[in-house]
Amino acid sequence: MPRQSPSTVELEFARQHDQEHAQICRQPAPRRLRLAFWRDEQLVRNALKVAGEPGLVLDVACGAGRFWPVLGEHANRVILAADPSPGMLEHARSHHEGALLERVTTFPSSAFTLGLSANAVDCIFCLQLFLHVKASEHRLALLHEFHRVSRDTVIVSVQIEGPLKLGKPTLRGLADKGDVEAQFIEAGFTVLWHQDFLPGFAMKRVYVLRKAG
């Protein structure tokens, strides 16, 4: 379906995320987060396998290229990497080397307007940015753009309500699972697979979506 130009709200969201993302990615990871990083990488490997080990992947809002080594584990995979900050892309390339970088092509772009043709890549990969999108209209805008550019699958992560609410109201920033999955359908996807960061407790979930029809 045709995608309208990004609204002022969308562009402001992208600008704010760019600033916050750059600050986070330039900071060294505390030791306590290393186990979490390992689990994230495990989820990414599982998701790529479910997606059919796509050959051409677009890493949206790639930041410092944290997931490039995992994306690059498949020897025949080509990686496109987009981020709104040219400086961040330069920073990312300076932290990777060798054969991996030969398979990574970077370009500056907002996630809301990727600047690629329809059906340009096999799979869109967007964990960090999509995870922190709070507003439903922003999630849907991103999903519509991902649907336009991916010819097959999309991998995203979402902060959703956990199963153990204990009578408490929804925590601020957490999405309702039913609402999010309804948005996937509205944007033209079916849910192929999902896996929680820590089943039964953690509120982060990775989804693999496939274009319907």
N, C-alpha and C. Protein backbone atom coordinates (compact mmCIF):
# COMPACT_ATOMS: atom_id res chain seq x y z
N MET A 1 0.84 -1.18 0.00
CA MET A 1 0.00 0.00 0.00
C MET A 1 0.88 1.24 0.00
N PRO A 2 0.44 2.36 -0.64
CA PRO A 2 1.26 3.55 -0.70
C PRO A 2 1.55 4.08 0.69
N ARG A 3 2.76 4.59 0.86
CA ARG A 3 3.18 5.12 2.15
C ARG A 3 3.30 6.63 2.05
N GLN A 4 2.63 7.36 2.92
CA GLN A 4 2.71 8.80 2.92
C GLN A 4 4.05 9.27 3.46
N SER A 5 4.40 10.52 3.16
CA SER A 5 5.63 11.10 3.68
C SER A 5 5.55 11.14 5.20
N PRO A 6 6.71 11.04 5.89
CA PRO A 6 6.68 11.02 7.34
C PRO A 6 6.15 12.33 7.90
N SER A 7 5.39 12.23 8.97
CA SER A 7 4.85 13.41 9.61
C SER A 7 5.92 14.11 10.43
N THR A 8 5.60 15.32 10.88
CA THR A 8 6.52 16.05 11.74
C THR A 8 6.80 15.27 13.02
N VAL A 9 5.76 14.62 13.55
CA VAL A 9 5.93 13.82 14.77
C VAL A 9 6.90 12.67 14.53
N GLU A 10 6.77 12.00 13.39
CA GLU A 10 7.66 10.89 13.06
C GLU A 10 9.11 11.36 12.93
N LEU A 11 9.31 12.48 12.25
CA LEU A 11 10.66 13.00 12.07
C LEU A 11 11.27 13.43 13.40
N GLU A 12 10.46 14.01 14.27
CA GLU A 12 10.96 14.41 15.58
C GLU A 12 11.32 13.18 16.41
N PHE A 13 10.50 12.14 16.30
CA PHE A 13 10.81 10.89 17.00
C PHE A 13 12.15 10.34 16.52
N ALA A 14 12.35 10.32 15.21
CA ALA A 14 13.60 9.81 14.65
C ALA A 14 14.79 10.64 15.11
N ARG A 15 14.62 11.95 15.18
CA ARG A 15 15.71 12.83 15.61
C ARG A 15 16.07 12.57 17.07
N GLN A 16 15.06 12.46 17.92
CA GLN A 16 15.31 12.22 19.34
C GLN A 16 15.98 10.86 19.54
N HIS A 17 15.48 9.85 18.83
CA HIS A 17 16.07 8.53 18.97
C HIS A 17 17.52 8.54 18.51
N ASP A 18 17.80 9.27 17.43
CA ASP A 18 19.16 9.36 16.91
C ASP A 18 20.11 9.86 18.00
N GLN A 19 19.72 10.91 18.71
CA GLN A 19 20.56 11.48 19.75
C GLN A 19 20.75 10.50 20.91
N GLU A 20 19.66 9.90 21.38
CA GLU A 20 19.75 8.97 22.51
C GLU A 20 20.54 7.72 22.14
N HIS A 21 20.30 7.23 20.93
CA HIS A 21 20.94 6.00 20.47
C HIS A 21 22.45 6.20 20.35
N ALA A 22 22.86 7.36 19.84
CA ALA A 22 24.28 7.64 19.70
C ALA A 22 24.98 7.67 21.05
N GLN A 23 24.34 8.26 22.04
CA GLN A 23 24.93 8.34 23.38
C GLN A 23 25.09 6.95 23.99
N ILE A 24 24.07 6.11 23.84
CA ILE A 24 24.11 4.76 24.42
C ILE A 24 25.17 3.91 23.75
N CYS A 25 25.25 3.98 22.41
CA CYS A 25 26.15 3.10 21.68
C CYS A 25 27.62 3.45 21.89
N ARG A 26 27.90 4.68 22.30
CA ARG A 26 29.28 5.08 22.53
C ARG A 26 29.77 4.71 23.93
N GLN A 27 28.87 4.20 24.78
CA GLN A 27 29.26 3.84 26.13
C GLN A 27 29.61 2.36 26.20
N PRO A 28 30.68 1.98 26.93
CA PRO A 28 31.02 0.55 27.07
C PRO A 28 29.94 -0.18 27.85
N ALA A 29 29.72 -1.43 27.49
CA ALA A 29 28.68 -2.23 28.15
C ALA A 29 29.15 -2.68 29.53
N PRO A 30 28.35 -2.45 30.57
CA PRO A 30 28.70 -2.96 31.90
C PRO A 30 28.74 -4.49 31.88
N ARG A 31 29.52 -5.06 32.77
CA ARG A 31 29.66 -6.52 32.80
C ARG A 31 28.33 -7.22 33.01
N ARG A 32 27.46 -6.59 33.80
CA ARG A 32 26.19 -7.25 34.10
C ARG A 32 25.31 -7.39 32.86
N LEU A 33 25.63 -6.63 31.80
CA LEU A 33 24.82 -6.71 30.59
C LEU A 33 25.36 -7.73 29.58
N ARG A 34 26.53 -8.26 29.85
CA ARG A 34 27.11 -9.16 28.85
C ARG A 34 26.29 -10.43 28.66
N LEU A 35 25.73 -10.95 29.76
CA LEU A 35 24.88 -12.13 29.64
C LEU A 35 23.63 -11.80 28.84
N ALA A 36 23.10 -10.58 29.04
CA ALA A 36 21.93 -10.15 28.28
C ALA A 36 22.27 -10.05 26.80
N PHE A 37 23.45 -9.55 26.49
CA PHE A 37 23.88 -9.47 25.09
C PHE A 37 23.97 -10.85 24.47
N TRP A 38 24.51 -11.81 25.25
CA TRP A 38 24.61 -13.18 24.74
C TRP A 38 23.23 -13.73 24.43
N ARG A 39 22.25 -13.47 25.31
CA ARG A 39 20.89 -13.97 25.08
C ARG A 39 20.28 -13.29 23.86
N ASP A 40 20.52 -11.99 23.70
CA ASP A 40 20.03 -11.29 22.51
C ASP A 40 20.57 -11.95 21.24
N GLU A 41 21.85 -12.25 21.23
CA GLU A 41 22.45 -12.86 20.04
C GLU A 41 21.86 -14.24 19.77
N GLN A 42 21.56 -14.98 20.83
CA GLN A 42 20.93 -16.29 20.67
C GLN A 42 19.56 -16.15 20.02
N LEU A 43 18.79 -15.15 20.47
CA LEU A 43 17.46 -14.91 19.91
C LEU A 43 17.57 -14.51 18.43
N VAL A 44 18.57 -13.70 18.11
CA VAL A 44 18.77 -13.28 16.72
C VAL A 44 19.07 -14.49 15.83
N ARG A 45 19.94 -15.36 16.29
CA ARG A 45 20.25 -16.57 15.50
C ARG A 45 19.00 -17.41 15.27
N ASN A 46 18.20 -17.58 16.32
CA ASN A 46 16.96 -18.35 16.19
C ASN A 46 16.01 -17.69 15.20
N ALA A 47 15.90 -16.37 15.27
CA ALA A 47 14.98 -15.64 14.39
C ALA A 47 15.43 -15.74 12.94
N LEU A 48 16.71 -15.61 12.69
CA LEU A 48 17.22 -15.71 11.31
C LEU A 48 16.98 -17.10 10.74
N LYS A 49 17.11 -18.11 11.58
CA LYS A 49 16.84 -19.48 11.12
C LYS A 49 15.38 -19.64 10.72
N VAL A 50 14.47 -19.11 11.57
CA VAL A 50 13.03 -19.19 11.25
C VAL A 50 12.73 -18.42 9.96
N ALA A 51 13.43 -17.31 9.76
CA ALA A 51 13.21 -16.48 8.57
C ALA A 51 13.81 -17.11 7.31
N GLY A 52 14.44 -18.28 7.45
CA GLY A 52 14.98 -18.97 6.28
C GLY A 52 16.39 -18.57 5.92
N GLU A 53 17.15 -18.05 6.89
CA GLU A 53 18.52 -17.59 6.66
C GLU A 53 18.58 -16.66 5.44
N PRO A 54 17.92 -15.50 5.52
CA PRO A 54 17.85 -14.58 4.38
C PRO A 54 19.22 -14.14 3.89
N GLY A 55 19.34 -13.98 2.58
CA GLY A 55 20.62 -13.63 1.99
C GLY A 55 20.93 -12.15 2.02
N LEU A 56 19.89 -11.30 1.94
CA LEU A 56 20.08 -9.85 1.94
C LEU A 56 19.25 -9.26 3.07
N VAL A 57 19.93 -8.75 4.09
CA VAL A 57 19.28 -8.24 5.30
C VAL A 57 19.54 -6.75 5.45
N LEU A 58 18.51 -6.00 5.80
CA LEU A 58 18.64 -4.58 6.10
C LEU A 58 18.55 -4.39 7.60
N ASP A 59 19.64 -3.91 8.21
CA ASP A 59 19.69 -3.61 9.64
C ASP A 59 19.28 -2.16 9.82
N VAL A 60 18.07 -1.94 10.33
CA VAL A 60 17.50 -0.59 10.47
C VAL A 60 17.86 -0.01 11.83
N ALA A 61 18.29 1.26 11.83
CA ALA A 61 18.77 1.92 13.06
C ALA A 61 19.88 1.08 13.68
N CYS A 62 20.90 0.81 12.88
CA CYS A 62 21.94 -0.16 13.26
C CYS A 62 22.85 0.34 14.37
N GLY A 63 22.91 1.66 14.59
CA GLY A 63 23.77 2.19 15.64
C GLY A 63 25.21 1.80 15.43
N ALA A 64 25.84 1.23 16.45
CA ALA A 64 27.26 0.85 16.38
C ALA A 64 27.48 -0.50 15.72
N GLY A 65 26.43 -1.06 15.09
CA GLY A 65 26.59 -2.35 14.41
C GLY A 65 26.76 -3.51 15.35
N ARG A 66 26.11 -3.42 16.50
CA ARG A 66 26.26 -4.45 17.53
C ARG A 66 25.94 -5.86 17.01
N PHE A 67 24.95 -5.97 16.13
CA PHE A 67 24.53 -7.30 15.68
C PHE A 67 25.17 -7.72 14.36
N TRP A 68 26.04 -6.91 13.80
CA TRP A 68 26.67 -7.28 12.54
C TRP A 68 27.41 -8.61 12.61
N PRO A 69 28.20 -8.89 13.66
CA PRO A 69 28.89 -10.18 13.70
C PRO A 69 27.93 -11.37 13.66
N VAL A 70 26.76 -11.24 14.31
CA VAL A 70 25.79 -12.33 14.30
C VAL A 70 25.12 -12.42 12.92
N LEU A 71 24.75 -11.28 12.37
CA LEU A 71 24.16 -11.28 11.03
C LEU A 71 25.14 -11.85 10.01
N GLY A 72 26.41 -11.59 10.23
CA GLY A 72 27.43 -12.02 9.28
C GLY A 72 27.90 -13.45 9.45
N GLU A 73 27.35 -14.18 10.41
CA GLU A 73 27.77 -15.57 10.61
C GLU A 73 27.40 -16.46 9.42
N HIS A 74 26.37 -16.09 8.71
CA HIS A 74 26.00 -16.81 7.49
C HIS A 74 26.91 -16.29 6.37
N ALA A 75 27.77 -17.15 5.83
CA ALA A 75 28.84 -16.71 4.94
C ALA A 75 28.36 -16.01 3.68
N ASN A 76 27.17 -16.35 3.21
CA ASN A 76 26.66 -15.77 1.96
C ASN A 76 25.74 -14.58 2.17
N ARG A 77 25.61 -14.12 3.42
CA ARG A 77 24.68 -13.03 3.71
C ARG A 77 25.31 -11.66 3.43
N VAL A 78 24.54 -10.82 2.76
CA VAL A 78 24.94 -9.43 2.52
C VAL A 78 24.11 -8.55 3.45
N ILE A 79 24.75 -7.57 4.08
CA ILE A 79 24.08 -6.72 5.06
C ILE A 79 24.05 -5.28 4.59
N LEU A 80 22.86 -4.71 4.52
CA LEU A 80 22.70 -3.27 4.37
C LEU A 80 22.41 -2.72 5.76
N ALA A 81 23.01 -1.60 6.10
CA ALA A 81 22.85 -1.05 7.44
C ALA A 81 22.52 0.44 7.34
N ALA A 82 21.38 0.81 7.93
CA ALA A 82 20.92 2.20 7.87
C ALA A 82 20.84 2.78 9.28
N ASP A 83 21.21 4.05 9.39
CA ASP A 83 21.08 4.78 10.64
C ASP A 83 20.94 6.26 10.28
N PRO A 84 20.15 7.02 11.03
CA PRO A 84 19.98 8.44 10.68
C PRO A 84 21.23 9.28 10.88
N SER A 85 22.22 8.77 11.59
CA SER A 85 23.43 9.55 11.88
C SER A 85 24.61 9.06 11.05
N PRO A 86 25.12 9.88 10.11
CA PRO A 86 26.33 9.49 9.38
C PRO A 86 27.51 9.27 10.32
N GLY A 87 27.59 10.07 11.39
CA GLY A 87 28.66 9.89 12.36
C GLY A 87 28.60 8.55 13.04
N MET A 88 27.39 8.08 13.35
CA MET A 88 27.23 6.77 13.98
C MET A 88 27.63 5.66 13.02
N LEU A 89 27.31 5.82 11.75
CA LEU A 89 27.71 4.82 10.77
C LEU A 89 29.23 4.74 10.65
N GLU A 90 29.88 5.88 10.66
CA GLU A 90 31.34 5.89 10.63
C GLU A 90 31.91 5.23 11.88
N HIS A 91 31.30 5.53 13.03
CA HIS A 91 31.71 4.92 14.29
C HIS A 91 31.54 3.40 14.22
N ALA A 92 30.43 2.94 13.66
CA ALA A 92 30.18 1.50 13.54
C ALA A 92 31.25 0.83 12.68
N ARG A 93 31.55 1.41 11.54
CA ARG A 93 32.53 0.80 10.64
C ARG A 93 33.92 0.75 11.27
N SER A 94 34.22 1.71 12.13
CA SER A 94 35.54 1.73 12.77
C SER A 94 35.69 0.62 13.81
N HIS A 95 34.58 0.02 14.23
CA HIS A 95 34.63 -1.01 15.27
C HIS A 95 34.50 -2.43 14.71
N HIS A 96 34.50 -2.56 13.40
CA HIS A 96 34.46 -3.87 12.76
C HIS A 96 35.52 -3.91 11.68
N GLU A 97 35.94 -5.08 11.31
CA GLU A 97 37.02 -5.17 10.33
C GLU A 97 36.95 -6.47 9.55
N GLY A 98 37.85 -6.58 8.59
CA GLY A 98 38.03 -7.81 7.85
C GLY A 98 36.91 -8.16 6.89
N ALA A 99 36.69 -9.45 6.72
CA ALA A 99 35.73 -9.95 5.73
C ALA A 99 34.31 -9.50 6.03
N LEU A 100 33.99 -9.32 7.31
CA LEU A 100 32.64 -8.88 7.67
C LEU A 100 32.32 -7.54 7.02
N LEU A 101 33.21 -6.57 7.15
CA LEU A 101 32.95 -5.23 6.61
C LEU A 101 32.79 -5.24 5.10
N GLU A 102 33.41 -6.19 4.43
CA GLU A 102 33.28 -6.28 2.99
C GLU A 102 31.86 -6.63 2.57
N ARG A 103 31.08 -7.20 3.51
CA ARG A 103 29.70 -7.58 3.21
C ARG A 103 28.68 -6.61 3.80
N VAL A 104 29.15 -5.50 4.37
CA VAL A 104 28.26 -4.50 4.96
C VAL A 104 28.31 -3.21 4.16
N THR A 105 27.15 -2.76 3.72
CA THR A 105 27.02 -1.47 3.04
C THR A 105 26.17 -0.56 3.90
N THR A 106 26.71 0.58 4.30
CA THR A 106 25.98 1.49 5.18
C THR A 106 25.46 2.70 4.40
N PHE A 107 24.35 3.25 4.90
CA PHE A 107 23.83 4.49 4.31
C PHE A 107 22.96 5.19 5.34
N PRO A 108 22.98 6.54 5.38
CA PRO A 108 22.16 7.28 6.35
C PRO A 108 20.70 7.29 5.91
N SER A 109 19.81 6.99 6.86
CA SER A 109 18.38 6.97 6.53
C SER A 109 17.55 6.94 7.80
N SER A 110 16.42 7.62 7.76
CA SER A 110 15.41 7.47 8.81
C SER A 110 14.73 6.12 8.64
N ALA A 111 14.35 5.52 9.74
CA ALA A 111 13.62 4.25 9.67
C ALA A 111 12.23 4.42 9.07
N PHE A 112 11.69 5.64 9.13
CA PHE A 112 10.35 5.89 8.62
C PHE A 112 10.31 6.05 7.10
N THR A 113 11.42 6.44 6.52
CA THR A 113 11.54 6.58 5.06
C THR A 113 12.90 6.03 4.66
N LEU A 114 12.95 4.76 4.31
CA LEU A 114 14.22 4.06 4.15
C LEU A 114 14.95 4.39 2.85
N GLY A 115 14.27 4.98 1.90
CA GLY A 115 14.95 5.38 0.68
C GLY A 115 15.34 4.22 -0.22
N LEU A 116 14.70 3.08 -0.07
CA LEU A 116 14.91 1.93 -0.94
C LEU A 116 13.63 1.62 -1.70
N SER A 117 13.77 0.91 -2.80
CA SER A 117 12.60 0.56 -3.60
C SER A 117 11.78 -0.51 -2.89
N ALA A 118 10.56 -0.73 -3.37
CA ALA A 118 9.70 -1.76 -2.81
C ALA A 118 10.34 -3.14 -3.01
N ASN A 119 10.20 -4.00 -2.03
CA ASN A 119 10.71 -5.37 -2.09
C ASN A 119 12.22 -5.42 -2.33
N ALA A 120 12.95 -4.49 -1.73
CA ALA A 120 14.38 -4.36 -2.01
C ALA A 120 15.24 -5.39 -1.30
N VAL A 121 14.78 -5.91 -0.15
CA VAL A 121 15.62 -6.83 0.63
C VAL A 121 14.81 -8.06 1.03
N ASP A 122 15.51 -9.11 1.38
CA ASP A 122 14.83 -10.33 1.83
C ASP A 122 14.23 -10.17 3.22
N CYS A 123 14.95 -9.46 4.08
CA CYS A 123 14.55 -9.38 5.49
C CYS A 123 14.96 -8.03 6.08
N ILE A 124 14.07 -7.44 6.87
CA ILE A 124 14.40 -6.25 7.64
C ILE A 124 14.59 -6.66 9.09
N PHE A 125 15.66 -6.16 9.67
CA PHE A 125 16.05 -6.49 11.04
C PHE A 125 16.06 -5.19 11.84
N CYS A 126 15.19 -5.10 12.87
CA CYS A 126 15.10 -3.85 13.64
C CYS A 126 14.77 -4.20 15.09
N LEU A 127 15.81 -4.36 15.90
CA LEU A 127 15.59 -4.71 17.29
C LEU A 127 15.63 -3.49 18.20
N GLN A 128 16.71 -2.74 18.17
CA GLN A 128 16.90 -1.67 19.15
C GLN A 128 15.85 -0.57 19.03
N LEU A 129 15.63 -0.07 17.85
CA LEU A 129 14.68 1.03 17.66
C LEU A 129 13.25 0.59 17.96
N PHE A 130 12.81 -0.50 17.35
CA PHE A 130 11.42 -0.91 17.48
C PHE A 130 11.09 -1.24 18.94
N LEU A 131 12.07 -1.75 19.66
CA LEU A 131 11.88 -2.09 21.07
C LEU A 131 11.47 -0.88 21.90
N HIS A 132 11.95 0.30 21.53
CA HIS A 132 11.73 1.49 22.33
C HIS A 132 10.63 2.41 21.79
N VAL A 133 9.95 1.96 20.75
CA VAL A 133 8.83 2.75 20.21
C VAL A 133 7.62 2.56 21.12
N LYS A 134 7.15 3.62 21.70
CA LYS A 134 6.05 3.54 22.67
C LYS A 134 4.68 3.79 22.02
N ALA A 135 4.62 4.71 21.06
CA ALA A 135 3.34 5.12 20.49
C ALA A 135 2.89 4.15 19.40
N SER A 136 1.62 3.77 19.46
CA SER A 136 1.08 2.83 18.48
C SER A 136 1.19 3.35 17.06
N GLU A 137 0.96 4.66 16.88
CA GLU A 137 1.01 5.22 15.53
C GLU A 137 2.42 5.17 14.96
N HIS A 138 3.43 5.28 15.82
CA HIS A 138 4.80 5.19 15.34
C HIS A 138 5.15 3.75 14.97
N ARG A 139 4.71 2.80 15.79
CA ARG A 139 4.94 1.40 15.44
C ARG A 139 4.30 1.06 14.10
N LEU A 140 3.08 1.52 13.91
CA LEU A 140 2.38 1.19 12.67
C LEU A 140 3.05 1.85 11.47
N ALA A 141 3.53 3.07 11.64
CA ALA A 141 4.24 3.75 10.55
C ALA A 141 5.49 2.98 10.15
N LEU A 142 6.24 2.53 11.14
CA LEU A 142 7.43 1.73 10.85
C LEU A 142 7.06 0.42 10.16
N LEU A 143 6.03 -0.24 10.65
CA LEU A 143 5.62 -1.51 10.06
C LEU A 143 5.20 -1.36 8.60
N HIS A 144 4.50 -0.28 8.29
CA HIS A 144 4.11 -0.05 6.90
C HIS A 144 5.34 0.15 6.00
N GLU A 145 6.33 0.87 6.50
CA GLU A 145 7.54 1.08 5.71
C GLU A 145 8.33 -0.22 5.57
N PHE A 146 8.38 -1.01 6.63
CA PHE A 146 9.05 -2.31 6.55
C PHE A 146 8.34 -3.24 5.57
N HIS A 147 7.02 -3.19 5.57
CA HIS A 147 6.24 -4.02 4.64
C HIS A 147 6.54 -3.62 3.19
N ARG A 148 6.72 -2.36 2.96
CA ARG A 148 7.02 -1.88 1.61
C ARG A 148 8.39 -2.36 1.13
N VAL A 149 9.39 -2.30 2.00
CA VAL A 149 10.77 -2.54 1.58
C VAL A 149 11.18 -4.01 1.63
N SER A 150 10.64 -4.79 2.56
CA SER A 150 10.99 -6.20 2.63
C SER A 150 10.15 -7.02 1.65
N ARG A 151 10.79 -7.96 1.00
CA ARG A 151 10.03 -8.82 0.09
C ARG A 151 9.52 -10.08 0.79
N ASP A 152 10.02 -10.33 2.03
CA ASP A 152 9.62 -11.57 2.68
C ASP A 152 9.38 -11.41 4.19
N THR A 153 10.43 -11.19 4.98
CA THR A 153 10.29 -11.23 6.43
C THR A 153 10.79 -9.96 7.12
N VAL A 154 10.36 -9.82 8.37
CA VAL A 154 10.78 -8.71 9.24
C VAL A 154 11.03 -9.28 10.63
N ILE A 155 12.13 -8.86 11.26
CA ILE A 155 12.46 -9.28 12.63
C ILE A 155 12.47 -8.05 13.51
N VAL A 156 11.61 -8.03 14.53
CA VAL A 156 11.52 -6.90 15.45
C VAL A 156 11.44 -7.41 16.88
N SER A 157 11.70 -6.53 17.83
CA SER A 157 11.50 -6.88 19.23
C SER A 157 10.57 -5.85 19.87
N VAL A 158 9.80 -6.30 20.85
CA VAL A 158 8.77 -5.47 21.48
C VAL A 158 8.83 -5.68 22.98
N GLN A 159 8.61 -4.62 23.73
CA GLN A 159 8.45 -4.72 25.18
C GLN A 159 6.96 -4.90 25.47
N ILE A 160 6.58 -6.09 25.89
CA ILE A 160 5.16 -6.39 26.10
C ILE A 160 4.89 -6.70 27.56
N GLU A 161 3.62 -6.68 27.90
CA GLU A 161 3.21 -7.05 29.25
C GLU A 161 3.60 -8.49 29.53
N GLY A 162 4.15 -8.74 30.72
CA GLY A 162 4.47 -10.10 31.10
C GLY A 162 3.24 -10.84 31.58
N PRO A 163 3.32 -12.16 31.69
CA PRO A 163 2.17 -12.95 32.13
C PRO A 163 1.86 -12.79 33.62
N LEU A 164 2.84 -12.32 34.39
CA LEU A 164 2.65 -12.19 35.84
C LEU A 164 2.37 -10.73 36.20
N LYS A 165 1.14 -10.29 36.04
CA LYS A 165 0.78 -8.90 36.32
C LYS A 165 0.57 -8.65 37.81
N LEU A 166 0.21 -9.70 38.54
CA LEU A 166 0.02 -9.61 39.99
C LEU A 166 -0.95 -8.50 40.38
N GLY A 167 -1.96 -8.30 39.55
CA GLY A 167 -3.00 -7.34 39.86
C GLY A 167 -2.59 -5.90 39.66
N LYS A 168 -1.40 -5.67 39.10
CA LYS A 168 -0.93 -4.30 38.91
C LYS A 168 -1.30 -3.79 37.53
N PRO A 169 -1.45 -2.47 37.36
CA PRO A 169 -1.74 -1.93 36.05
C PRO A 169 -0.53 -2.10 35.13
N THR A 170 -0.77 -1.96 33.82
CA THR A 170 0.31 -2.09 32.84
C THR A 170 1.40 -1.06 33.12
N LEU A 171 2.66 -1.52 33.14
CA LEU A 171 3.76 -0.60 33.33
C LEU A 171 3.88 0.34 32.16
N ARG A 172 4.28 1.56 32.44
CA ARG A 172 4.39 2.57 31.40
C ARG A 172 5.40 2.12 30.34
N GLY A 173 5.02 2.24 29.08
CA GLY A 173 5.91 1.88 27.98
C GLY A 173 5.76 0.46 27.50
N LEU A 174 5.07 -0.40 28.25
CA LEU A 174 4.88 -1.77 27.81
C LEU A 174 3.65 -1.86 26.91
N ALA A 175 3.79 -2.65 25.86
CA ALA A 175 2.70 -2.78 24.90
C ALA A 175 1.84 -3.99 25.24
N ASP A 176 0.58 -3.92 24.90
CA ASP A 176 -0.31 -5.07 25.04
C ASP A 176 -0.06 -6.02 23.87
N LYS A 177 0.16 -7.30 24.18
CA LYS A 177 0.48 -8.28 23.15
C LYS A 177 -0.58 -8.33 22.06
N GLY A 178 -1.85 -8.33 22.46
CA GLY A 178 -2.92 -8.39 21.48
C GLY A 178 -2.93 -7.18 20.56
N ASP A 179 -2.67 -5.99 21.12
CA ASP A 179 -2.65 -4.78 20.32
C ASP A 179 -1.50 -4.80 19.32
N VAL A 180 -0.33 -5.22 19.77
CA VAL A 180 0.83 -5.26 18.88
C VAL A 180 0.63 -6.26 17.76
N GLU A 181 0.14 -7.44 18.09
CA GLU A 181 -0.05 -8.45 17.05
C GLU A 181 -1.17 -8.06 16.08
N ALA A 182 -2.15 -7.30 16.56
CA ALA A 182 -3.18 -6.76 15.66
C ALA A 182 -2.57 -5.76 14.70
N GLN A 183 -1.60 -4.98 15.18
CA GLN A 183 -0.92 -4.03 14.30
C GLN A 183 -0.10 -4.75 13.24
N PHE A 184 0.52 -5.86 13.59
CA PHE A 184 1.24 -6.65 12.59
C PHE A 184 0.30 -7.04 11.45
N ILE A 185 -0.87 -7.50 11.82
CA ILE A 185 -1.85 -7.92 10.81
C ILE A 185 -2.33 -6.73 10.00
N GLU A 186 -2.59 -5.61 10.67
CA GLU A 186 -3.05 -4.40 9.97
C GLU A 186 -2.02 -3.93 8.94
N ALA A 187 -0.75 -4.10 9.25
CA ALA A 187 0.31 -3.66 8.34
C ALA A 187 0.58 -4.67 7.23
N GLY A 188 -0.09 -5.83 7.28
CA GLY A 188 0.04 -6.80 6.20
C GLY A 188 0.96 -7.97 6.49
N PHE A 189 1.17 -8.29 7.77
CA PHE A 189 2.05 -9.39 8.15
C PHE A 189 1.29 -10.52 8.85
N THR A 190 1.90 -11.68 8.84
CA THR A 190 1.49 -12.77 9.72
C THR A 190 2.66 -13.05 10.66
N VAL A 191 2.36 -13.56 11.85
CA VAL A 191 3.40 -13.88 12.82
C VAL A 191 3.89 -15.31 12.57
N LEU A 192 5.17 -15.44 12.19
CA LEU A 192 5.76 -16.75 11.97
C LEU A 192 6.21 -17.39 13.28
N TRP A 193 6.72 -16.56 14.19
CA TRP A 193 7.40 -17.10 15.37
C TRP A 193 7.63 -15.97 16.36
N HIS A 194 7.71 -16.32 17.62
CA HIS A 194 8.17 -15.35 18.61
C HIS A 194 8.86 -16.11 19.74
N GLN A 195 9.74 -15.41 20.43
CA GLN A 195 10.44 -16.00 21.57
C GLN A 195 10.73 -14.89 22.57
N ASP A 196 10.50 -15.19 23.85
CA ASP A 196 10.73 -14.21 24.89
C ASP A 196 12.18 -14.26 25.37
N PHE A 197 12.66 -13.10 25.80
CA PHE A 197 14.03 -13.00 26.31
C PHE A 197 14.22 -13.96 27.49
N LEU A 198 13.26 -13.96 28.40
CA LEU A 198 13.27 -14.89 29.53
C LEU A 198 11.83 -15.36 29.72
N PRO A 199 11.45 -16.51 29.16
CA PRO A 199 10.06 -16.95 29.17
C PRO A 199 9.43 -16.91 30.55
N GLY A 200 8.25 -16.27 30.64
CA GLY A 200 7.52 -16.20 31.89
C GLY A 200 7.86 -15.01 32.76
N PHE A 201 8.97 -14.31 32.43
CA PHE A 201 9.39 -13.21 33.29
C PHE A 201 9.74 -11.95 32.50
N ALA A 202 10.73 -12.06 31.62
CA ALA A 202 11.19 -10.87 30.89
C ALA A 202 10.11 -10.39 29.94
N MET A 203 10.07 -9.08 29.73
CA MET A 203 9.02 -8.47 28.94
C MET A 203 9.44 -8.18 27.50
N LYS A 204 10.66 -8.59 27.12
CA LYS A 204 11.12 -8.37 25.75
C LYS A 204 10.86 -9.62 24.91
N ARG A 205 10.24 -9.42 23.77
CA ARG A 205 9.91 -10.54 22.88
C ARG A 205 10.39 -10.22 21.47
N VAL A 206 11.01 -11.21 20.83
CA VAL A 206 11.44 -11.07 19.44
C VAL A 206 10.43 -11.78 18.54
N TYR A 207 10.00 -11.07 17.50
CA TYR A 207 9.03 -11.61 16.54
C TYR A 207 9.68 -11.76 15.16
N VAL A 208 9.28 -12.81 14.45
CA VAL A 208 9.56 -12.92 13.02
C VAL A 208 8.22 -12.82 12.30
N LEU A 209 8.12 -11.84 11.41
CA LEU A 209 6.90 -11.57 10.66
C LEU A 209 7.13 -11.90 9.18
N ARG A 210 6.07 -12.34 8.52
CA ARG A 210 6.14 -12.59 7.06
C ARG A 210 5.05 -11.82 6.36
N LYS A 211 5.37 -11.26 5.22
CA LYS A 211 4.36 -10.53 4.45
C LYS A 211 3.25 -11.49 4.03
N ALA A 212 2.03 -11.11 4.34
CA ALA A 212 0.89 -11.95 4.02
C ALA A 212 0.63 -11.93 2.52
N GLY A 213 0.18 -13.06 2.02
CA GLY A 213 -0.22 -13.14 0.62
C GLY A 213 0.95 -13.23 -0.32
